[in-house]
Every structure is written in C-alpha cells, then in structure tokens.
N, C-alpha and C. Protein backbone atom coordinates (compact mmCIF):
# COMPACT_ATOMS: atom_id res chain seq x y z
N MET A 1 49.67 259.11 202.02
CA MET A 1 50.04 257.76 202.47
C MET A 1 50.70 257.86 203.85
N GLU A 2 50.33 256.96 204.73
CA GLU A 2 50.90 256.91 206.07
C GLU A 2 52.39 256.60 206.01
N VAL A 3 53.16 257.15 206.95
CA VAL A 3 54.62 257.00 206.95
C VAL A 3 55.01 255.52 207.02
N LEU A 4 54.41 254.77 207.91
CA LEU A 4 54.75 253.35 208.04
C LEU A 4 54.48 252.60 206.73
N GLU A 5 53.44 252.96 206.04
CA GLU A 5 53.15 252.32 204.75
C GLU A 5 54.20 252.71 203.71
N GLN A 6 54.68 253.95 203.75
CA GLN A 6 55.76 254.37 202.86
C GLN A 6 57.02 253.56 203.13
N ILE A 7 57.32 253.37 204.41
CA ILE A 7 58.50 252.58 204.80
C ILE A 7 58.37 251.16 204.27
N ARG A 8 57.19 250.56 204.47
CA ARG A 8 56.97 249.19 203.99
C ARG A 8 57.15 249.10 202.49
N GLN A 9 56.66 250.10 201.77
CA GLN A 9 56.79 250.10 200.32
C GLN A 9 58.25 250.17 199.89
N VAL A 10 59.03 251.03 200.52
CA VAL A 10 60.46 251.13 200.20
C VAL A 10 61.15 249.82 200.49
N ILE A 11 60.86 249.22 201.62
CA ILE A 11 61.47 247.93 201.97
C ILE A 11 61.09 246.86 200.95
N ASP A 12 59.81 246.81 200.59
CA ASP A 12 59.36 245.78 199.64
C ASP A 12 60.02 245.93 198.27
N VAL A 13 60.23 247.16 197.84
CA VAL A 13 60.77 247.39 196.49
C VAL A 13 62.30 247.45 196.47
N SER A 14 62.90 248.12 197.44
CA SER A 14 64.33 248.42 197.38
C SER A 14 65.22 247.60 198.30
N VAL A 15 64.65 246.97 199.32
CA VAL A 15 65.47 246.26 200.32
C VAL A 15 65.25 244.76 200.30
N ARG A 16 63.99 244.37 200.42
CA ARG A 16 63.65 242.94 200.55
C ARG A 16 64.19 242.07 199.41
N PRO A 17 64.10 242.48 198.16
CA PRO A 17 64.63 241.63 197.08
C PRO A 17 66.12 241.32 197.25
N TYR A 18 66.90 242.31 197.69
CA TYR A 18 68.33 242.09 197.93
C TYR A 18 68.53 241.07 199.04
N LEU A 19 67.84 241.25 200.15
CA LEU A 19 67.98 240.34 201.28
C LEU A 19 67.54 238.93 200.92
N GLN A 20 66.43 238.81 200.22
CA GLN A 20 65.93 237.49 199.83
C GLN A 20 66.89 236.79 198.88
N GLY A 21 67.65 237.56 198.11
CA GLY A 21 68.67 237.00 197.23
C GLY A 21 69.81 236.37 198.00
N HIS A 22 69.91 236.70 199.29
CA HIS A 22 70.93 236.13 200.16
C HIS A 22 70.34 235.19 201.19
N GLY A 23 69.10 234.79 200.99
CA GLY A 23 68.45 233.85 201.91
C GLY A 23 67.92 234.49 203.19
N GLY A 24 67.73 235.79 203.17
CA GLY A 24 67.25 236.49 204.35
C GLY A 24 66.02 237.30 204.09
N ASP A 25 65.66 238.09 205.08
CA ASP A 25 64.50 238.97 204.96
C ASP A 25 64.61 240.02 206.05
N ILE A 26 63.60 240.87 206.15
CA ILE A 26 63.58 241.97 207.11
C ILE A 26 62.21 242.04 207.76
N GLN A 27 62.19 242.39 209.02
CA GLN A 27 60.93 242.55 209.75
C GLN A 27 60.97 243.88 210.47
N ILE A 28 59.97 244.72 210.21
CA ILE A 28 59.86 246.00 210.91
C ILE A 28 59.34 245.71 212.31
N LEU A 29 60.01 246.23 213.30
CA LEU A 29 59.60 246.04 214.70
C LEU A 29 58.82 247.23 215.23
N ASP A 30 59.27 248.46 214.85
CA ASP A 30 58.64 249.64 215.42
C ASP A 30 59.04 250.88 214.63
N PHE A 31 58.16 251.84 214.56
CA PHE A 31 58.50 253.17 214.04
C PHE A 31 57.85 254.19 214.95
N THR A 32 58.69 254.86 215.75
CA THR A 32 58.20 255.85 216.71
C THR A 32 59.16 257.04 216.74
N ASP A 33 58.61 258.21 216.70
CA ASP A 33 59.39 259.46 216.81
C ASP A 33 60.53 259.51 215.79
N GLY A 34 60.28 259.06 214.57
CA GLY A 34 61.28 259.12 213.51
C GLY A 34 62.31 258.01 213.53
N VAL A 35 62.18 257.07 214.47
CA VAL A 35 63.17 255.99 214.59
C VAL A 35 62.54 254.68 214.11
N LEU A 36 63.15 254.09 213.11
CA LEU A 36 62.72 252.80 212.58
C LEU A 36 63.59 251.70 213.20
N LYS A 37 62.93 250.72 213.84
CA LYS A 37 63.63 249.58 214.41
C LYS A 37 63.22 248.36 213.61
N PHE A 38 64.21 247.54 213.27
CA PHE A 38 63.93 246.35 212.48
C PHE A 38 64.88 245.24 212.86
N LYS A 39 64.57 244.04 212.39
CA LYS A 39 65.53 242.94 212.55
C LYS A 39 65.65 242.22 211.21
N LEU A 40 66.81 241.65 211.02
CA LEU A 40 67.06 240.84 209.84
C LEU A 40 66.74 239.39 210.21
N THR A 41 66.17 238.66 209.29
CA THR A 41 65.79 237.28 209.56
C THR A 41 66.45 236.34 208.54
N GLY A 42 66.26 235.05 208.76
CA GLY A 42 66.84 234.07 207.87
C GLY A 42 68.34 234.10 207.92
N MET A 43 68.97 233.88 206.80
CA MET A 43 70.43 233.82 206.73
C MET A 43 71.09 235.19 207.01
N CYS A 44 70.30 236.25 206.98
CA CYS A 44 70.86 237.59 207.23
C CYS A 44 70.95 237.92 208.72
N SER A 45 70.22 237.18 209.54
CA SER A 45 70.32 237.47 210.98
C SER A 45 71.66 236.96 211.48
N ASN A 46 72.34 237.79 212.22
CA ASN A 46 73.66 237.47 212.76
C ASN A 46 74.73 237.24 211.71
N CYS A 47 74.48 237.65 210.50
CA CYS A 47 75.50 237.59 209.46
C CYS A 47 76.56 238.62 209.80
N PRO A 48 77.84 238.29 209.58
CA PRO A 48 78.89 239.28 209.87
C PRO A 48 78.73 240.57 209.08
N SER A 49 78.01 240.52 207.97
CA SER A 49 77.81 241.72 207.15
C SER A 49 76.55 242.48 207.50
N SER A 50 75.84 242.10 208.56
CA SER A 50 74.56 242.72 208.88
C SER A 50 74.68 244.23 209.15
N LEU A 51 75.78 244.65 209.75
CA LEU A 51 75.95 246.09 209.98
C LEU A 51 76.14 246.84 208.67
N PHE A 52 76.85 246.24 207.73
CA PHE A 52 77.01 246.86 206.41
C PHE A 52 75.67 246.89 205.68
N THR A 53 74.90 245.80 205.79
CA THR A 53 73.59 245.73 205.17
C THR A 53 72.69 246.84 205.74
N THR A 54 72.76 247.04 207.03
CA THR A 54 71.95 248.07 207.67
C THR A 54 72.33 249.44 207.14
N GLU A 55 73.62 249.74 207.13
CA GLU A 55 74.07 251.07 206.71
C GLU A 55 73.92 251.28 205.21
N ASP A 56 74.38 250.32 204.42
CA ASP A 56 74.45 250.50 202.98
C ASP A 56 73.14 250.30 202.25
N ILE A 57 72.26 249.52 202.82
CA ILE A 57 71.02 249.22 202.09
C ILE A 57 69.81 249.75 202.83
N VAL A 58 69.54 249.23 204.02
CA VAL A 58 68.30 249.60 204.72
C VAL A 58 68.29 251.09 205.05
N LYS A 59 69.29 251.56 205.75
CA LYS A 59 69.32 252.96 206.17
C LYS A 59 69.33 253.90 204.97
N LYS A 60 70.18 253.62 204.02
CA LYS A 60 70.31 254.49 202.84
C LYS A 60 68.98 254.60 202.10
N GLU A 61 68.38 253.48 201.78
CA GLU A 61 67.15 253.48 201.00
C GLU A 61 65.99 254.13 201.75
N VAL A 62 65.80 253.72 203.00
CA VAL A 62 64.66 254.23 203.77
C VAL A 62 64.79 255.73 204.04
N MET A 63 65.96 256.16 204.48
CA MET A 63 66.12 257.56 204.82
C MET A 63 66.11 258.48 203.60
N GLU A 64 66.58 257.97 202.46
CA GLU A 64 66.52 258.78 201.24
C GLU A 64 65.10 258.93 200.72
N GLN A 65 64.29 257.89 200.89
CA GLN A 65 62.96 257.89 200.27
C GLN A 65 61.83 258.31 201.22
N VAL A 66 62.06 258.24 202.53
CA VAL A 66 61.02 258.62 203.51
C VAL A 66 61.64 259.66 204.46
N LYS A 67 61.39 260.88 204.19
CA LYS A 67 62.03 261.99 204.92
C LYS A 67 61.70 262.01 206.41
N GLU A 68 60.60 261.40 206.81
CA GLU A 68 60.21 261.38 208.21
C GLU A 68 61.08 260.46 209.05
N VAL A 69 61.83 259.58 208.41
CA VAL A 69 62.71 258.66 209.13
C VAL A 69 64.02 259.38 209.44
N LYS A 70 64.32 259.52 210.70
CA LYS A 70 65.51 260.24 211.16
C LYS A 70 66.63 259.31 211.60
N GLU A 71 66.27 258.07 211.95
CA GLU A 71 67.24 257.10 212.42
C GLU A 71 66.75 255.70 212.08
N VAL A 72 67.70 254.81 211.80
CA VAL A 72 67.39 253.41 211.50
C VAL A 72 68.25 252.55 212.41
N ARG A 73 67.60 251.65 213.16
CA ARG A 73 68.32 250.80 214.12
C ARG A 73 68.07 249.33 213.88
N LEU A 74 69.14 248.60 213.79
CA LEU A 74 69.07 247.15 213.70
C LEU A 74 69.00 246.57 215.10
N GLU A 75 67.97 245.80 215.38
CA GLU A 75 67.84 245.10 216.65
C GLU A 75 68.42 243.70 216.41
N ALA A 76 69.59 243.47 216.96
CA ALA A 76 70.31 242.22 216.70
C ALA A 76 69.84 241.13 217.65
N GLY A 77 69.96 239.92 217.18
CA GLY A 77 69.58 238.75 217.97
C GLY A 77 69.60 237.53 217.09
N VAL A 78 69.48 236.40 217.68
CA VAL A 78 69.49 235.15 216.93
C VAL A 78 68.06 234.82 216.52
N SER A 79 67.85 234.60 215.24
CA SER A 79 66.50 234.26 214.76
C SER A 79 66.19 232.82 215.05
N ASP A 80 64.90 232.51 215.05
CA ASP A 80 64.47 231.12 215.22
C ASP A 80 65.01 230.23 214.12
N GLU A 81 65.11 230.78 212.90
CA GLU A 81 65.62 230.01 211.78
C GLU A 81 67.08 229.60 212.01
N MET A 82 67.88 230.53 212.55
CA MET A 82 69.29 230.23 212.80
C MET A 82 69.45 229.21 213.93
N ILE A 83 68.61 229.30 214.93
CA ILE A 83 68.66 228.31 216.02
C ILE A 83 68.30 226.93 215.50
N ASP A 84 67.27 226.83 214.68
CA ASP A 84 66.90 225.56 214.08
C ASP A 84 68.00 225.00 213.19
N PHE A 85 68.66 225.89 212.43
CA PHE A 85 69.74 225.48 211.55
C PHE A 85 70.91 224.94 212.37
N ALA A 86 71.25 225.64 213.46
CA ALA A 86 72.35 225.19 214.32
C ALA A 86 72.02 223.85 214.96
N LYS A 87 70.79 223.67 215.40
CA LYS A 87 70.38 222.39 215.98
C LYS A 87 70.50 221.26 214.95
N SER A 88 70.11 221.54 213.72
CA SER A 88 70.20 220.49 212.69
C SER A 88 71.65 220.11 212.41
N LEU A 89 72.55 221.08 212.47
CA LEU A 89 73.98 220.78 212.28
C LEU A 89 74.52 219.93 213.43
N LEU A 90 74.10 220.24 214.62
CA LEU A 90 74.58 219.50 215.81
C LEU A 90 74.05 218.06 215.84
N ARG A 91 72.91 217.84 215.26
CA ARG A 91 72.33 216.50 215.23
C ARG A 91 73.10 215.57 214.29
N HIS A 92 73.80 216.13 213.33
CA HIS A 92 74.52 215.32 212.33
C HIS A 92 75.88 215.08 212.81
C-alpha cells in the first residue's frame, strides 16, 4: 500500500472521527520527504486547542502507525467556514 494511502487510512479511522465529534475535520495538504502537512477545518481550525490536537492525536496516531512519516506539521490559517461563521455573527 502506498504511504499516502496508509496515512489517509489512519486519519479516517483514528483521527477524523474525533475531529468530527468536535465539529471539525482534517485535510491533508502534502506529504513529501517524510513530512506530512495538514490543516484542520471546521470548528477545529484556529481552535485554541489545535496545537494539542496536532500533538496528541494527529502526530501520535500517524507517526505510530506509518513509520515513513518523520514529521507532522499543522498549517494554520482561518478556514472559509470560520470566516462565514464570523460574518454571520457580525450581521446579527
């Protein structure tokens, strides 16, 4: 099985259900030279706990289950969902 497919499988089984339980999700951005880059979406993007989520859940699960992954990086930024949510609050 290809490494990226292994990563997707780990995320689908071990990471995504947790994030979706908190109104969020995860998107893989890139996997090159052992470095996995991803972003959190939905309510998990820009959450104050996103660094803990990265370390305690994403990094732990992926690096334990896919030995080819040497580093996991969260690419932070404001998601489109959060911008839309903020706009809706400002309109009220």
